[in-house]
């Protein structure tokens, strides 16, 4: 059975958490944007932090972009792959 691609937007929010518009930013001529201080503070993002860009595609186009701190992504991957790698070795 083929699963339908999940749509981006409010209809995908679950009870555990929900997507919402936190801020609106502009992109300048060089492709740069500024994350508002409120968002940086709330997410614990500081100067020098590395962020991974995660894109969700629908119909061949990126419809949703998420930023995850690399250190958090690393921990997520370790927690998922750690038990699998332990079983292999």
N, C-alpha and C. Protein backbone atom coordinates (compact mmCIF):
# COMPACT_ATOMS: atom_id res chain seq x y z
N UNK A 1 0.84 -1.17 0.00
CA UNK A 1 0.00 0.00 0.00
C UNK A 1 0.89 1.24 0.00
N UNK A 2 0.58 2.20 -0.84
CA UNK A 2 1.36 3.43 -0.94
C UNK A 2 0.78 4.48 -0.01
N UNK A 3 1.65 5.06 0.80
CA UNK A 3 1.20 6.11 1.71
C UNK A 3 1.18 7.44 0.97
N UNK A 4 0.20 8.25 1.28
CA UNK A 4 0.14 9.60 0.73
C UNK A 4 1.19 10.45 1.41
N UNK A 5 1.79 11.37 0.66
CA UNK A 5 2.74 12.31 1.25
C UNK A 5 2.01 13.20 2.24
N UNK A 6 2.63 13.40 3.37
CA UNK A 6 2.01 14.25 4.38
C UNK A 6 2.12 15.70 3.95
N UNK A 7 1.06 16.44 4.10
CA UNK A 7 1.06 17.85 3.73
C UNK A 7 1.67 18.69 4.83
N UNK A 8 2.29 19.78 4.42
CA UNK A 8 2.81 20.74 5.39
C UNK A 8 1.66 21.61 5.87
N UNK A 9 1.71 22.02 7.09
CA UNK A 9 0.71 22.96 7.56
C UNK A 9 0.07 22.54 8.85
N UNK A 10 -0.89 23.32 9.30
CA UNK A 10 -1.53 23.09 10.60
C UNK A 10 -2.20 21.73 10.72
N UNK A 11 -2.63 21.15 9.61
CA UNK A 11 -3.32 19.86 9.68
C UNK A 11 -2.38 18.73 10.11
N UNK A 12 -1.06 18.95 10.06
CA UNK A 12 -0.12 17.91 10.45
C UNK A 12 0.26 17.98 11.92
N UNK A 13 -0.24 18.95 12.66
CA UNK A 13 0.11 19.09 14.07
C UNK A 13 -0.52 17.98 14.89
N UNK A 14 0.27 17.44 15.78
CA UNK A 14 -0.22 16.41 16.69
C UNK A 14 -0.38 16.97 18.08
N UNK A 15 -0.82 16.13 18.98
CA UNK A 15 -1.02 16.59 20.35
C UNK A 15 0.30 16.78 21.09
N UNK A 16 1.35 16.07 20.65
CA UNK A 16 2.64 16.16 21.34
C UNK A 16 3.32 17.50 21.10
N UNK A 17 3.04 18.13 20.02
CA UNK A 17 3.66 19.41 19.69
C UNK A 17 3.00 19.96 18.44
N UNK A 18 3.26 21.20 18.16
CA UNK A 18 2.60 21.79 17.02
C UNK A 18 3.50 22.81 16.35
N UNK A 19 3.38 22.88 15.04
CA UNK A 19 4.09 23.89 14.27
C UNK A 19 3.28 25.18 14.34
N UNK A 20 3.99 26.29 14.41
CA UNK A 20 3.30 27.58 14.37
C UNK A 20 4.26 28.62 13.83
N UNK A 21 3.72 29.70 13.34
CA UNK A 21 4.54 30.78 12.85
C UNK A 21 5.11 31.52 14.06
N UNK A 22 6.42 31.47 14.21
CA UNK A 22 7.09 32.13 15.33
C UNK A 22 7.50 33.55 14.96
N UNK A 23 7.85 33.75 13.69
CA UNK A 23 8.32 35.05 13.23
C UNK A 23 8.32 35.06 11.71
N UNK A 24 8.41 36.23 11.14
CA UNK A 24 8.56 36.38 9.70
C UNK A 24 9.87 37.13 9.49
N UNK A 25 10.74 36.57 8.63
CA UNK A 25 12.03 37.19 8.37
C UNK A 25 12.18 37.44 6.88
N UNK A 26 13.08 38.34 6.53
CA UNK A 26 13.37 38.64 5.14
C UNK A 26 14.74 38.09 4.78
N UNK A 27 14.90 37.73 3.51
CA UNK A 27 16.17 37.27 2.99
C UNK A 27 16.78 38.41 2.19
N UNK A 28 18.05 38.73 2.47
CA UNK A 28 18.68 39.85 1.74
C UNK A 28 19.29 39.37 0.42
N UNK A 29 19.95 40.28 -0.29
CA UNK A 29 20.52 39.98 -1.60
C UNK A 29 21.56 38.86 -1.56
N UNK A 30 22.21 38.69 -0.42
CA UNK A 30 23.23 37.65 -0.29
C UNK A 30 22.65 36.33 0.23
N UNK A 31 21.34 36.27 0.41
CA UNK A 31 20.69 35.05 0.89
C UNK A 31 20.73 34.91 2.40
N UNK A 32 21.06 35.96 3.09
CA UNK A 32 21.15 35.92 4.55
C UNK A 32 19.86 36.40 5.19
N UNK A 33 19.61 35.88 6.38
CA UNK A 33 18.46 36.33 7.16
C UNK A 33 18.87 36.37 8.62
N UNK A 34 18.12 37.08 9.41
CA UNK A 34 18.41 37.19 10.84
C UNK A 34 17.31 36.49 11.61
N UNK A 35 17.72 35.58 12.51
CA UNK A 35 16.74 34.97 13.42
C UNK A 35 16.51 35.96 14.54
N UNK A 36 15.26 36.33 14.79
CA UNK A 36 14.99 37.30 15.85
C UNK A 36 15.52 36.82 17.21
N UNK A 37 15.94 37.77 18.02
CA UNK A 37 16.51 37.47 19.33
C UNK A 37 15.58 36.60 20.18
N UNK A 38 14.30 36.90 20.15
CA UNK A 38 13.32 36.10 20.92
C UNK A 38 13.39 34.62 20.55
N UNK A 39 13.49 34.36 19.26
CA UNK A 39 13.54 32.97 18.78
C UNK A 39 14.86 32.33 19.18
N UNK A 40 15.98 33.07 19.01
CA UNK A 40 17.28 32.54 19.41
C UNK A 40 17.31 32.21 20.89
N UNK A 41 16.77 33.10 21.70
CA UNK A 41 16.73 32.86 23.15
C UNK A 41 15.88 31.64 23.48
N UNK A 42 14.71 31.57 22.88
CA UNK A 42 13.78 30.46 23.14
C UNK A 42 14.38 29.11 22.73
N UNK A 43 15.15 29.12 21.62
CA UNK A 43 15.75 27.88 21.10
C UNK A 43 17.14 27.62 21.66
N UNK A 44 17.66 28.57 22.46
CA UNK A 44 19.00 28.40 23.01
C UNK A 44 20.09 28.48 21.95
N UNK A 45 19.86 29.24 20.90
CA UNK A 45 20.83 29.39 19.82
C UNK A 45 21.74 30.58 20.14
N UNK A 46 23.05 30.31 20.09
CA UNK A 46 24.03 31.35 20.39
C UNK A 46 24.98 31.52 19.21
N UNK A 47 25.69 32.65 19.18
CA UNK A 47 26.66 32.90 18.13
C UNK A 47 27.64 31.73 18.05
N UNK A 48 27.91 31.26 16.86
CA UNK A 48 28.84 30.15 16.66
C UNK A 48 28.18 28.78 16.62
N UNK A 49 26.92 28.67 17.04
CA UNK A 49 26.22 27.39 16.97
C UNK A 49 26.06 26.96 15.51
N UNK A 50 26.15 25.67 15.27
CA UNK A 50 25.93 25.12 13.93
C UNK A 50 24.49 24.59 13.87
N UNK A 51 23.81 24.91 12.78
CA UNK A 51 22.43 24.47 12.58
C UNK A 51 22.34 23.60 11.33
N UNK A 52 21.66 22.48 11.43
CA UNK A 52 21.40 21.63 10.28
C UNK A 52 20.07 22.09 9.66
N UNK A 53 20.05 22.17 8.34
CA UNK A 53 18.83 22.56 7.64
C UNK A 53 18.16 21.29 7.15
N UNK A 54 16.92 21.08 7.58
CA UNK A 54 16.14 19.90 7.21
C UNK A 54 15.00 20.37 6.31
N UNK A 55 14.91 19.83 5.11
CA UNK A 55 13.86 20.22 4.19
C UNK A 55 12.85 19.10 4.00
N UNK A 56 11.60 19.43 3.96
CA UNK A 56 10.52 18.48 3.69
C UNK A 56 10.01 18.78 2.29
N UNK A 57 10.04 17.78 1.43
CA UNK A 57 9.62 17.97 0.05
C UNK A 57 8.21 17.44 -0.20
N UNK A 58 7.53 18.14 -1.08
CA UNK A 58 6.22 17.70 -1.57
C UNK A 58 6.16 18.08 -3.03
N UNK A 59 5.80 17.11 -3.87
CA UNK A 59 5.71 17.33 -5.31
C UNK A 59 7.02 17.89 -5.88
N UNK A 60 8.16 17.42 -5.38
CA UNK A 60 9.45 17.83 -5.90
C UNK A 60 9.95 19.19 -5.45
N UNK A 61 9.21 19.86 -4.57
CA UNK A 61 9.62 21.17 -4.08
C UNK A 61 9.70 21.14 -2.56
N UNK A 62 10.65 21.90 -2.03
CA UNK A 62 10.75 22.01 -0.58
C UNK A 62 9.60 22.89 -0.10
N UNK A 63 8.77 22.33 0.78
CA UNK A 63 7.61 23.08 1.28
C UNK A 63 7.81 23.52 2.72
N UNK A 64 8.78 22.93 3.39
CA UNK A 64 8.98 23.23 4.81
C UNK A 64 10.46 23.11 5.12
N UNK A 65 11.01 24.08 5.82
CA UNK A 65 12.41 24.08 6.21
C UNK A 65 12.48 24.18 7.73
N UNK A 66 13.25 23.28 8.34
CA UNK A 66 13.45 23.30 9.79
C UNK A 66 14.93 23.46 10.08
N UNK A 67 15.24 24.09 11.19
CA UNK A 67 16.61 24.22 11.65
C UNK A 67 16.74 23.43 12.95
N UNK A 68 17.79 22.59 13.02
CA UNK A 68 18.04 21.81 14.23
C UNK A 68 19.50 22.03 14.61
N UNK A 69 19.74 22.31 15.89
CA UNK A 69 21.12 22.45 16.33
C UNK A 69 21.85 21.14 16.06
N UNK A 70 23.05 21.23 15.48
CA UNK A 70 23.81 20.04 15.10
C UNK A 70 24.04 19.14 16.31
N UNK A 71 24.33 19.71 17.46
CA UNK A 71 24.57 18.88 18.65
C UNK A 71 23.31 18.07 19.01
N UNK A 72 22.13 18.66 18.84
CA UNK A 72 20.89 17.93 19.12
C UNK A 72 20.65 16.84 18.08
N UNK A 73 20.96 17.15 16.82
CA UNK A 73 20.80 16.16 15.75
C UNK A 73 21.74 14.99 15.97
N UNK A 74 22.96 15.29 16.38
CA UNK A 74 23.94 14.24 16.66
C UNK A 74 23.43 13.30 17.74
N UNK A 75 22.87 13.87 18.81
CA UNK A 75 22.33 13.05 19.90
C UNK A 75 21.15 12.20 19.43
N UNK A 76 20.29 12.78 18.56
CA UNK A 76 19.16 12.02 18.02
C UNK A 76 19.65 10.81 17.22
N UNK A 77 20.64 11.05 16.38
CA UNK A 77 21.18 9.96 15.54
C UNK A 77 21.82 8.89 16.42
N UNK A 78 22.61 9.31 17.41
CA UNK A 78 23.24 8.35 18.31
C UNK A 78 22.21 7.51 19.04
N UNK A 79 21.14 8.15 19.50
CA UNK A 79 20.13 7.40 20.26
C UNK A 79 19.38 6.41 19.38
N UNK A 80 19.25 6.73 18.09
CA UNK A 80 18.56 5.81 17.18
C UNK A 80 19.49 4.71 16.68
N UNK A 81 20.71 5.08 16.31
CA UNK A 81 21.63 4.11 15.72
C UNK A 81 22.43 3.33 16.75
N UNK A 82 22.60 3.89 17.95
CA UNK A 82 23.38 3.22 18.98
C UNK A 82 22.94 1.79 19.25
N UNK A 83 21.65 1.57 19.55
CA UNK A 83 21.19 0.21 19.81
C UNK A 83 21.35 -0.72 18.59
N UNK A 84 21.16 -0.19 17.40
CA UNK A 84 21.30 -1.01 16.19
C UNK A 84 22.76 -1.42 16.01
N UNK A 85 23.69 -0.45 16.18
CA UNK A 85 25.10 -0.75 16.02
C UNK A 85 25.57 -1.72 17.10
N UNK A 86 25.02 -1.62 18.30
CA UNK A 86 25.39 -2.52 19.40
C UNK A 86 25.02 -3.96 19.04
N UNK A 87 23.85 -4.14 18.42
CA UNK A 87 23.41 -5.48 18.02
C UNK A 87 24.30 -6.05 16.91
N UNK A 88 24.74 -5.18 16.00
CA UNK A 88 25.57 -5.64 14.88
C UNK A 88 26.93 -6.12 15.38
N UNK A 89 27.51 -5.37 16.32
CA UNK A 89 28.84 -5.72 16.80
C UNK A 89 28.73 -6.56 18.05
